[in-house]
PDB file of all heavy atoms in Angstrom:
ATOM      1  N   PRO A   1      13.971 132.796 177.874  1.00  0.00           N
ATOM      2  CA  PRO A   1      13.328 131.721 178.619  1.00  0.00           C
ATOM      3  C   PRO A   1      14.290 130.885 179.439  1.00  0.00           C
ATOM      4  O   PRO A   1      13.913 130.345 180.479  1.00  0.00           O
ATOM      5  CB  PRO A   1      12.650 130.887 177.524  1.00  0.00           C
ATOM      6  CG  PRO A   1      13.374 131.216 176.264  1.00  0.00           C
ATOM      7  CD  PRO A   1      13.810 132.638 176.416  1.00  0.00           C
ATOM      8  N   GLU A   2      15.562 130.766 178.985  1.00  0.00           N
ATOM      9  CA  GLU A   2      16.519 129.963 179.748  1.00  0.00           C
ATOM     10  C   GLU A   2      16.725 130.547 181.138  1.00  0.00           C
ATOM     11  O   GLU A   2      16.615 129.847 182.157  1.00  0.00           O
ATOM     12  CB  GLU A   2      17.860 129.884 179.012  1.00  0.00           C
ATOM     13  CG  GLU A   2      17.795 129.205 177.654  1.00  0.00           C
ATOM     14  CD  GLU A   2      17.423 130.165 176.534  1.00  0.00           C
ATOM     15  OE1 GLU A   2      17.282 131.381 176.807  1.00  0.00           O
ATOM     16  OE2 GLU A   2      17.266 129.698 175.400  1.00  0.00           O
ATOM     17  N   ARG A   3      17.026 131.840 181.203  1.00  0.00           N
ATOM     18  CA  ARG A   3      17.243 132.484 182.500  1.00  0.00           C
ATOM     19  C   ARG A   3      15.939 132.577 183.289  1.00  0.00           C
ATOM     20  O   ARG A   3      15.957 132.494 184.522  1.00  0.00           O
ATOM     21  CB  ARG A   3      17.843 133.874 182.299  1.00  0.00           C
ATOM     22  CG  ARG A   3      19.244 133.871 181.685  1.00  0.00           C
ATOM     23  CD  ARG A   3      19.827 135.284 181.703  1.00  0.00           C
ATOM     24  NE  ARG A   3      21.136 135.327 181.062  1.00  0.00           N
ATOM     25  CZ  ARG A   3      21.344 135.640 179.800  1.00  0.00           C
ATOM     26  NH1 ARG A   3      20.326 135.915 179.019  1.00  0.00           N
ATOM     27  NH2 ARG A   3      22.573 135.668 179.311  1.00  0.00           N
ATOM     28  N   ALA A   4      14.831 132.772 182.591  1.00  0.00           N
ATOM     29  CA  ALA A   4      13.548 132.867 183.285  1.00  0.00           C
ATOM     30  C   ALA A   4      13.204 131.564 184.002  1.00  0.00           C
ATOM     31  O   ALA A   4      12.682 131.582 185.123  1.00  0.00           O
ATOM     32  CB  ALA A   4      12.442 133.234 182.288  1.00  0.00           C
ATOM     33  N   VAL A   5      13.476 130.435 183.356  1.00  0.00           N
ATOM     34  CA  VAL A   5      13.221 129.149 184.011  1.00  0.00           C
ATOM     35  C   VAL A   5      14.097 129.002 185.251  1.00  0.00           C
ATOM     36  O   VAL A   5      13.634 128.534 186.299  1.00  0.00           O
ATOM     37  CB  VAL A   5      13.458 127.981 183.027  1.00  0.00           C
ATOM     38  CG1 VAL A   5      13.444 126.649 183.761  1.00  0.00           C
ATOM     39  CG2 VAL A   5      12.373 127.987 181.944  1.00  0.00           C
ATOM     40  N   LEU A   6      15.347 129.412 185.162  1.00  0.00           N
ATOM     41  CA  LEU A   6      16.219 129.366 186.336  1.00  0.00           C
ATOM     42  C   LEU A   6      15.665 130.243 187.459  1.00  0.00           C
ATOM     43  O   LEU A   6      15.652 129.850 188.637  1.00  0.00           O
ATOM     44  CB  LEU A   6      17.630 129.815 185.975  1.00  0.00           C
ATOM     45  CG  LEU A   6      18.465 128.842 185.144  1.00  0.00           C
ATOM     46  CD1 LEU A   6      19.802 129.491 184.752  1.00  0.00           C
ATOM     47  CD2 LEU A   6      18.726 127.549 185.908  1.00  0.00           C
ATOM     48  N   ALA A   7      15.195 131.443 187.100  1.00  0.00           N
ATOM     49  CA  ALA A   7      14.609 132.333 188.104  1.00  0.00           C
ATOM     50  C   ALA A   7      13.364 131.708 188.729  1.00  0.00           C
ATOM     51  O   ALA A   7      13.131 131.837 189.940  1.00  0.00           O
ATOM     52  CB  ALA A   7      14.255 133.678 187.465  1.00  0.00           C
ATOM     53  N   ALA A   8      12.577 131.019 187.914  1.00  0.00           N
ATOM     54  CA  ALA A   8      11.374 130.367 188.421  1.00  0.00           C
ATOM     55  C   ALA A   8      11.714 129.320 189.467  1.00  0.00           C
ATOM     56  O   ALA A   8      11.103 129.260 190.547  1.00  0.00           O
ATOM     57  CB  ALA A   8      10.607 129.726 187.264  1.00  0.00           C
ATOM     58  N   VAL A   9      12.703 128.497 189.170  1.00  0.00           N
ATOM     59  CA  VAL A   9      13.070 127.425 190.094  1.00  0.00           C
ATOM     60  C   VAL A   9      13.655 127.997 191.380  1.00  0.00           C
ATOM     61  O   VAL A   9      13.382 127.499 192.481  1.00  0.00           O
ATOM     62  CB  VAL A   9      14.055 126.456 189.414  1.00  0.00           C
ATOM     63  CG1 VAL A   9      14.505 125.387 190.391  1.00  0.00           C
ATOM     64  CG2 VAL A   9      13.410 125.815 188.194  1.00  0.00           C
ATOM     65  N   VAL A  10      14.445 129.066 191.261  1.00  0.00           N
ATOM     66  CA  VAL A  10      14.972 129.718 192.458  1.00  0.00           C
ATOM     67  C   VAL A  10      13.836 130.264 193.315  1.00  0.00           C
ATOM     68  O   VAL A  10      13.846 130.128 194.555  1.00  0.00           O
ATOM     69  CB  VAL A  10      15.948 130.851 192.072  1.00  0.00           C
ATOM     70  CG1 VAL A  10      16.293 131.705 193.293  1.00  0.00           C
ATOM     71  CG2 VAL A  10      17.213 130.273 191.462  1.00  0.00           C
ATOM     72  N   GLY A  11      12.842 130.875 192.682  1.00  0.00           N
ATOM     73  CA  GLY A  11      11.699 131.400 193.417  1.00  0.00           C
ATOM     74  C   GLY A  11      10.914 130.310 194.130  1.00  0.00           C
ATOM     75  O   GLY A  11      10.493 130.478 195.283  1.00  0.00           O
ATOM     76  N   VAL A  12      10.721 129.191 193.445  1.00  0.00           N
ATOM     77  CA  VAL A  12      10.013 128.062 194.064  1.00  0.00           C
ATOM     78  C   VAL A  12      10.781 127.543 195.273  1.00  0.00           C
ATOM     79  O   VAL A  12      10.204 127.264 196.326  1.00  0.00           O
ATOM     80  CB  VAL A  12       9.781 126.946 193.023  1.00  0.00           C
ATOM     81  CG1 VAL A  12       9.273 125.685 193.702  1.00  0.00           C
ATOM     82  CG2 VAL A  12       8.790 127.414 191.962  1.00  0.00           C
ATOM     83  N   PHE A  13      12.096 127.414 195.130  1.00  0.00           N
ATOM     84  CA  PHE A  13      12.922 126.943 196.246  1.00  0.00           C
ATOM     85  C   PHE A  13      12.859 127.908 197.428  1.00  0.00           C
ATOM     86  O   PHE A  13      12.568 127.516 198.565  1.00  0.00           O
ATOM     87  CB  PHE A  13      14.370 126.775 195.785  1.00  0.00           C
ATOM     88  CG  PHE A  13      15.327 126.495 196.905  1.00  0.00           C
ATOM     89  CD1 PHE A  13      15.485 125.207 197.398  1.00  0.00           C
ATOM     90  CD2 PHE A  13      16.076 127.525 197.480  1.00  0.00           C
ATOM     91  CE1 PHE A  13      16.359 124.944 198.448  1.00  0.00           C
ATOM     92  CE2 PHE A  13      16.951 127.272 198.523  1.00  0.00           C
ATOM     93  CZ  PHE A  13      17.091 125.977 199.004  1.00  0.00           C
ATOM     94  N   ALA A  14      13.124 129.184 197.151  1.00  0.00           N
ATOM     95  CA  ALA A  14      13.171 130.166 198.233  1.00  0.00           C
ATOM     96  C   ALA A  14      11.810 130.299 198.915  1.00  0.00           C
ATOM     97  O   ALA A  14      11.727 130.397 200.150  1.00  0.00           O
ATOM     98  CB  ALA A  14      13.629 131.520 197.686  1.00  0.00           C
ATOM     99  N   GLY A  15      10.750 130.302 198.130  1.00  0.00           N
ATOM    100  CA  GLY A  15       9.414 130.450 198.705  1.00  0.00           C
ATOM    101  C   GLY A  15       9.056 129.312 199.640  1.00  0.00           C
ATOM    102  O   GLY A  15       8.470 129.530 200.716  1.00  0.00           O
ATOM    103  N   GLN A  16       9.399 128.094 199.252  1.00  0.00           N
ATOM    104  CA  GLN A  16       9.080 126.951 200.106  1.00  0.00           C
ATOM    105  C   GLN A  16       9.877 126.993 201.412  1.00  0.00           C
ATOM    106  O   GLN A  16       9.352 126.656 202.480  1.00  0.00           O
ATOM    107  CB  GLN A  16       9.347 125.644 199.357  1.00  0.00           C
ATOM    108  CG  GLN A  16       8.356 125.398 198.239  1.00  0.00           C
ATOM    109  CD  GLN A  16       8.603 124.078 197.548  1.00  0.00           C
ATOM    110  OE1 GLN A  16       7.986 123.068 197.866  1.00  0.00           O
ATOM    111  NE2 GLN A  16       9.503 124.074 196.587  1.00  0.00           N
ATOM    112  N   VAL A  17      11.127 127.396 201.326  1.00  0.00           N
ATOM    113  CA  VAL A  17      11.954 127.472 202.538  1.00  0.00           C
ATOM    114  C   VAL A  17      11.413 128.535 203.490  1.00  0.00           C
ATOM    115  O   VAL A  17      11.278 128.302 204.700  1.00  0.00           O
ATOM    116  CB  VAL A  17      13.420 127.766 202.170  1.00  0.00           C
ATOM    117  CG1 VAL A  17      14.245 128.062 203.420  1.00  0.00           C
ATOM    118  CG2 VAL A  17      14.020 126.582 201.413  1.00  0.00           C
ATOM    119  N   VAL A  18      11.083 129.705 202.955  1.00  0.00           N
ATOM    120  CA  VAL A  18      10.574 130.788 203.805  1.00  0.00           C
ATOM    121  C   VAL A  18       9.203 130.423 204.375  1.00  0.00           C
ATOM    122  O   VAL A  18       8.932 130.647 205.562  1.00  0.00           O
ATOM    123  CB  VAL A  18      10.503 132.106 203.002  1.00  0.00           C
ATOM    124  CG1 VAL A  18       9.800 133.198 203.811  1.00  0.00           C
ATOM    125  CG2 VAL A  18      11.904 132.557 202.607  1.00  0.00           C
ATOM    126  N   ARG A  19       8.332 129.852 203.544  1.00  0.00           N
ATOM    127  CA  ARG A  19       6.990 129.487 204.017  1.00  0.00           C
ATOM    128  C   ARG A  19       7.046 128.497 205.169  1.00  0.00           C
ATOM    129  O   ARG A  19       6.221 128.553 206.098  1.00  0.00           O
ATOM    130  CB  ARG A  19       6.172 128.897 202.867  1.00  0.00           C
ATOM    131  CG  ARG A  19       4.747 128.534 203.254  1.00  0.00           C
ATOM    132  CD  ARG A  19       3.991 127.917 202.089  1.00  0.00           C
ATOM    133  NE  ARG A  19       4.543 126.635 201.665  1.00  0.00           N
ATOM    134  CZ  ARG A  19       3.976 125.850 200.745  1.00  0.00           C
ATOM    135  NH1 ARG A  19       2.865 126.246 200.133  1.00  0.00           N
ATOM    136  NH2 ARG A  19       4.533 124.694 200.405  1.00  0.00           N
ATOM    137  N   SER A  20       7.984 127.589 205.129  1.00  0.00           N
ATOM    138  CA  SER A  20       8.056 126.539 206.140  1.00  0.00           C
ATOM    139  C   SER A  20       8.823 126.953 207.383  1.00  0.00           C
ATOM    140  O   SER A  20       8.983 126.151 208.306  1.00  0.00           O
ATOM    141  CB  SER A  20       8.702 125.285 205.545  1.00  0.00           C
ATOM    142  OG  SER A  20      10.033 125.549 205.135  1.00  0.00           O
ATOM    143  N   ALA A  21       9.316 128.210 207.423  1.00  0.00           N
ATOM    144  CA  ALA A  21      10.058 128.655 208.599  1.00  0.00           C
ATOM    145  C   ALA A  21       9.188 128.592 209.851  1.00  0.00           C
ATOM    146  O   ALA A  21       9.687 128.332 210.948  1.00  0.00           O
ATOM    147  CB  ALA A  21      10.590 130.068 208.390  1.00  0.00           C
ATOM    148  N   GLY A  22       7.874 128.850 209.678  1.00  0.00           N
ATOM    149  CA  GLY A  22       6.920 128.591 210.756  1.00  0.00           C
ATOM    150  C   GLY A  22       6.986 129.523 211.932  1.00  0.00           C
ATOM    151  O   GLY A  22       6.688 129.112 213.057  1.00  0.00           O
ATOM    152  N   THR A  23       7.343 130.800 211.734  1.00  0.00           N
ATOM    153  CA  THR A  23       7.425 131.725 212.853  1.00  0.00           C
ATOM    154  C   THR A  23       6.245 132.688 212.939  1.00  0.00           C
ATOM    155  O   THR A  23       5.891 133.133 214.031  1.00  0.00           O
ATOM    156  CB  THR A  23       8.723 132.546 212.775  1.00  0.00           C
ATOM    157  OG1 THR A  23       8.764 133.248 211.518  1.00  0.00           O
ATOM    158  CG2 THR A  23       9.941 131.625 212.859  1.00  0.00           C
ATOM    159  N   SER A  24       5.656 133.034 211.797  1.00  0.00           N
ATOM    160  CA  SER A  24       4.544 133.995 211.826  1.00  0.00           C
ATOM    161  C   SER A  24       3.761 133.915 210.533  1.00  0.00           C
ATOM    162  O   SER A  24       4.261 133.424 209.505  1.00  0.00           O
ATOM    163  CB  SER A  24       5.077 135.423 212.012  1.00  0.00           C
ATOM    164  OG  SER A  24       5.837 135.824 210.884  1.00  0.00           O
ATOM    165  N   LEU A  25       2.522 134.426 210.573  1.00  0.00           N
ATOM    166  CA  LEU A  25       1.706 134.488 209.363  1.00  0.00           C
ATOM    167  C   LEU A  25       2.329 135.383 208.295  1.00  0.00           C
ATOM    168  O   LEU A  25       2.366 134.994 207.123  1.00  0.00           O
ATOM    169  CB  LEU A  25       0.298 134.962 209.707  1.00  0.00           C
ATOM    170  CG  LEU A  25      -0.632 135.199 208.512  1.00  0.00           C
ATOM    171  CD1 LEU A  25      -0.854 133.921 207.726  1.00  0.00           C
ATOM    172  CD2 LEU A  25      -1.961 135.798 208.973  1.00  0.00           C
ATOM    173  N   PRO A  26       2.815 136.606 208.637  1.00  0.00           N
ATOM    174  CA  PRO A  26       3.418 137.442 207.582  1.00  0.00           C
ATOM    175  C   PRO A  26       4.560 136.742 206.844  1.00  0.00           C
ATOM    176  O   PRO A  26       4.663 136.842 205.625  1.00  0.00           O
ATOM    177  CB  PRO A  26       3.915 138.672 208.359  1.00  0.00           C
ATOM    178  CG  PRO A  26       3.017 138.758 209.539  1.00  0.00           C
ATOM    179  CD  PRO A  26       2.736 137.334 209.919  1.00  0.00           C
ATOM    180  N   LEU A  27       5.416 136.036 207.594  1.00  0.00           N
ATOM    181  CA  LEU A  27       6.519 135.335 206.940  1.00  0.00           C
ATOM    182  C   LEU A  27       6.009 134.220 206.042  1.00  0.00           C
ATOM    183  O   LEU A  27       6.515 134.012 204.929  1.00  0.00           O
ATOM    184  CB  LEU A  27       7.471 134.773 207.991  1.00  0.00           C
ATOM    185  CG  LEU A  27       8.814 134.226 207.471  1.00  0.00           C
ATOM    186  CD1 LEU A  27       9.621 135.334 206.821  1.00  0.00           C
ATOM    187  CD2 LEU A  27       9.597 133.582 208.608  1.00  0.00           C
ATOM    188  N   ALA A  28       4.990 133.511 206.515  1.00  0.00           N
ATOM    189  CA  ALA A  28       4.407 132.449 205.696  1.00  0.00           C
ATOM    190  C   ALA A  28       3.788 133.025 204.427  1.00  0.00           C
ATOM    191  O   ALA A  28       3.902 132.430 203.345  1.00  0.00           O
ATOM    192  CB  ALA A  28       3.356 131.691 206.499  1.00  0.00           C
ATOM    193  N   LEU A  29       3.150 134.183 204.532  1.00  0.00           N
ATOM    194  CA  LEU A  29       2.552 134.821 203.354  1.00  0.00           C
ATOM    195  C   LEU A  29       3.627 135.284 202.378  1.00  0.00           C
ATOM    196  O   LEU A  29       3.466 135.159 201.161  1.00  0.00           O
ATOM    197  CB  LEU A  29       1.667 136.001 203.781  1.00  0.00           C
ATOM    198  CG  LEU A  29       0.335 135.649 204.441  1.00  0.00           C
ATOM    199  CD1 LEU A  29      -0.349 136.915 204.959  1.00  0.00           C
ATOM    200  CD2 LEU A  29      -0.574 134.919 203.464  1.00  0.00           C
ATOM    201  N   VAL A  30       4.725 135.824 202.916  1.00  0.00           N
ATOM    202  CA  VAL A  30       5.826 136.246 202.041  1.00  0.00           C
ATOM    203  C   VAL A  30       6.380 135.048 201.285  1.00  0.00           C
ATOM    204  O   VAL A  30       6.586 135.106 200.060  1.00  0.00           O
ATOM    205  CB  VAL A  30       6.941 136.929 202.866  1.00  0.00           C
ATOM    206  CG1 VAL A  30       8.202 137.111 202.012  1.00  0.00           C
ATOM    207  CG2 VAL A  30       6.468 138.284 203.371  1.00  0.00           C
ATOM    208  N   GLY A  31       6.626 133.948 201.994  1.00  0.00           N
ATOM    209  CA  GLY A  31       7.132 132.754 201.329  1.00  0.00           C
ATOM    210  C   GLY A  31       6.164 132.232 200.283  1.00  0.00           C
ATOM    211  O   GLY A  31       6.577 131.834 199.179  1.00  0.00           O
ATOM    212  N   THR A  32       4.876 132.252 200.615  1.00  0.00           N
ATOM    213  CA  THR A  32       3.863 131.781 199.671  1.00  0.00           C
ATOM    214  C   THR A  32       3.827 132.657 198.429  1.00  0.00           C
ATOM    215  O   THR A  32       3.696 132.163 197.303  1.00  0.00           O
ATOM    216  CB  THR A  32       2.480 131.755 200.349  1.00  0.00           C
ATOM    217  OG1 THR A  32       2.544 130.917 201.506  1.00  0.00           O
ATOM    218  CG2 THR A  32       1.421 131.229 199.406  1.00  0.00           C
ATOM    219  N   ALA A  33       3.957 133.976 198.620  1.00  0.00           N
ATOM    220  CA  ALA A  33       3.955 134.891 197.477  1.00  0.00           C
ATOM    221  C   ALA A  33       5.195 134.687 196.608  1.00  0.00           C
ATOM    222  O   ALA A  33       5.118 134.740 195.372  1.00  0.00           O
ATOM    223  CB  ALA A  33       3.883 136.337 197.969  1.00  0.00           C
ATOM    224  N   VAL A  34       6.340 134.437 197.237  1.00  0.00           N
ATOM    225  CA  VAL A  34       7.583 134.216 196.470  1.00  0.00           C
ATOM    226  C   VAL A  34       7.471 132.952 195.638  1.00  0.00           C
ATOM    227  O   VAL A  34       7.821 132.933 194.447  1.00  0.00           O
ATOM    228  CB  VAL A  34       8.795 134.146 197.417  1.00  0.00           C
ATOM    229  CG1 VAL A  34      10.041 133.673 196.663  1.00  0.00           C
ATOM    230  CG2 VAL A  34       9.052 135.504 198.049  1.00  0.00           C
ATOM    231  N   LEU A  35       6.972 131.863 196.245  1.00  0.00           N
ATOM    232  CA  LEU A  35       6.852 130.631 195.455  1.00  0.00           C
ATOM    233  C   LEU A  35       5.775 130.793 194.379  1.00  0.00           C
ATOM    234  O   LEU A  35       5.891 130.236 193.279  1.00  0.00           O
ATOM    235  CB  LEU A  35       6.599 129.420 196.347  1.00  0.00           C
ATOM    236  CG  LEU A  35       5.246 129.174 196.998  1.00  0.00           C
ATOM    237  CD1 LEU A  35       4.294 128.433 196.074  1.00  0.00           C
ATOM    238  CD2 LEU A  35       5.427 128.368 198.288  1.00  0.00           C
ATOM    239  N   GLY A  36       4.717 131.580 194.678  1.00  0.00           N
ATOM    240  CA  GLY A  36       3.706 131.856 193.659  1.00  0.00           C
ATOM    241  C   GLY A  36       4.285 132.616 192.489  1.00  0.00           C
ATOM    242  O   GLY A  36       3.966 132.339 191.327  1.00  0.00           O
ATOM    243  N   ALA A  37       5.169 133.571 192.790  1.00  0.00           N
ATOM    244  CA  ALA A  37       5.826 134.321 191.712  1.00  0.00           C
ATOM    245  C   ALA A  37       6.730 133.411 190.895  1.00  0.00           C
ATOM    246  O   ALA A  37       6.769 133.497 189.655  1.00  0.00           O
ATOM    247  CB  ALA A  37       6.631 135.477 192.308  1.00  0.00           C
ATOM    248  N   GLY A  38       7.449 132.520 191.575  1.00  0.00           N
ATOM    249  CA  GLY A  38       8.313 131.593 190.852  1.00  0.00           C
ATOM    250  C   GLY A  38       7.529 130.680 189.932  1.00  0.00           C
ATOM    251  O   GLY A  38       7.909 130.468 188.771  1.00  0.00           O
ATOM    252  N   ILE A  39       6.423 130.139 190.434  1.00  0.00           N
ATOM    253  CA  ILE A  39       5.596 129.260 189.604  1.00  0.00           C
ATOM    254  C   ILE A  39       5.010 130.036 188.429  1.00  0.00           C
ATOM    255  O   ILE A  39       4.927 129.512 187.309  1.00  0.00           O
ATOM    256  CB  ILE A  39       4.484 128.615 190.449  1.00  0.00           C
ATOM    257  CG1 ILE A  39       5.089 127.665 191.487  1.00  0.00           C
ATOM    258  CG2 ILE A  39       3.499 127.853 189.562  1.00  0.00           C
ATOM    259  CD1 ILE A  39       4.082 127.102 192.463  1.00  0.00           C
ATOM    260  N   THR A  40       4.627 131.296 188.664  1.00  0.00           N
ATOM    261  CA  THR A  40       4.074 132.113 187.577  1.00  0.00           C
ATOM    262  C   THR A  40       5.085 132.273 186.452  1.00  0.00           C
ATOM    263  O   THR A  40       4.738 132.150 185.266  1.00  0.00           O
ATOM    264  CB  THR A  40       3.665 133.497 188.113  1.00  0.00           C
ATOM    265  OG1 THR A  40       2.735 133.342 189.185  1.00  0.00           O
ATOM    266  CG2 THR A  40       3.016 134.323 187.013  1.00  0.00           C
ATOM    267  N   ILE A  41       6.331 132.554 186.805  1.00  0.00           N
ATOM    268  CA  ILE A  41       7.373 132.681 185.778  1.00  0.00           C
ATOM    269  C   ILE A  41       7.516 131.366 185.013  1.00  0.00           C
ATOM    270  O   ILE A  41       7.627 131.346 183.782  1.00  0.00           O
ATOM    271  CB  ILE A  41       8.707 133.095 186.416  1.00  0.00           C
ATOM    272  CG1 ILE A  41       8.595 134.480 187.042  1.00  0.00           C
ATOM    273  CG2 ILE A  41       9.824 133.082 185.366  1.00  0.00           C
ATOM    274  CD1 ILE A  41       9.790 134.869 187.895  1.00  0.00           C
ATOM    275  N   GLY A  42       7.502 130.248 185.746  1.00  0.00           N
ATOM    276  CA  GLY A  42       7.590 128.952 185.085  1.00  0.00           C
ATOM    277  C   GLY A  42       6.406 128.678 184.179  1.00  0.00           C
ATOM    278  O   GLY A  42       6.558 128.122 183.085  1.00  0.00           O
ATOM    279  N   ASN A  43       5.210 129.074 184.626  1.00  0.00           N
ATOM    280  CA  ASN A  43       4.010 128.887 183.805  1.00  0.00           C
ATOM    281  C   ASN A  43       4.137 129.567 182.448  1.00  0.00           C
ATOM    282  O   ASN A  43       3.600 129.080 181.445  1.00  0.00           O
ATOM    283  CB  ASN A  43       2.784 129.460 184.528  1.00  0.00           C
ATOM    284  CG  ASN A  43       2.316 128.603 185.681  1.00  0.00           C
ATOM    285  OD1 ASN A  43       2.690 127.437 185.807  1.00  0.00           O
ATOM    286  ND2 ASN A  43       1.492 129.176 186.542  1.00  0.00           N
ATOM    287  N   VAL A  44       4.803 130.707 182.421  1.00  0.00           N
ATOM    288  CA  VAL A  44       4.973 131.451 181.171  1.00  0.00           C
ATOM    289  C   VAL A  44       6.168 130.937 180.381  1.00  0.00           C
ATOM    290  O   VAL A  44       6.098 130.764 179.161  1.00  0.00           O
ATOM    291  CB  VAL A  44       5.135 132.960 181.462  1.00  0.00           C
ATOM    292  CG1 VAL A  44       5.405 133.732 180.168  1.00  0.00           C
ATOM    293  CG2 VAL A  44       3.892 133.511 182.151  1.00  0.00           C
ATOM    294  N   ALA A  45       7.281 130.679 181.065  1.00  0.00           N
ATOM    295  CA  ALA A  45       8.528 130.363 180.365  1.00  0.00           C
ATOM    296  C   ALA A  45       8.525 128.976 179.749  1.00  0.00           C
ATOM    297  O   ALA A  45       9.016 128.786 178.622  1.00  0.00           O
ATOM    298  CB  ALA A  45       9.710 130.499 181.332  1.00  0.00           C
TER     299      ALA A  45
END
């Protein structure tokens, strides 16, 4: 769980940065999926 929480926070950070890049819908969806994955790990860990 220690490393998983770290991975979760990294995912949340990276997802928000990519989502806010604001260049295209696919990029925004990728960022949203990454932050969703990070939050999911946190929800479990």
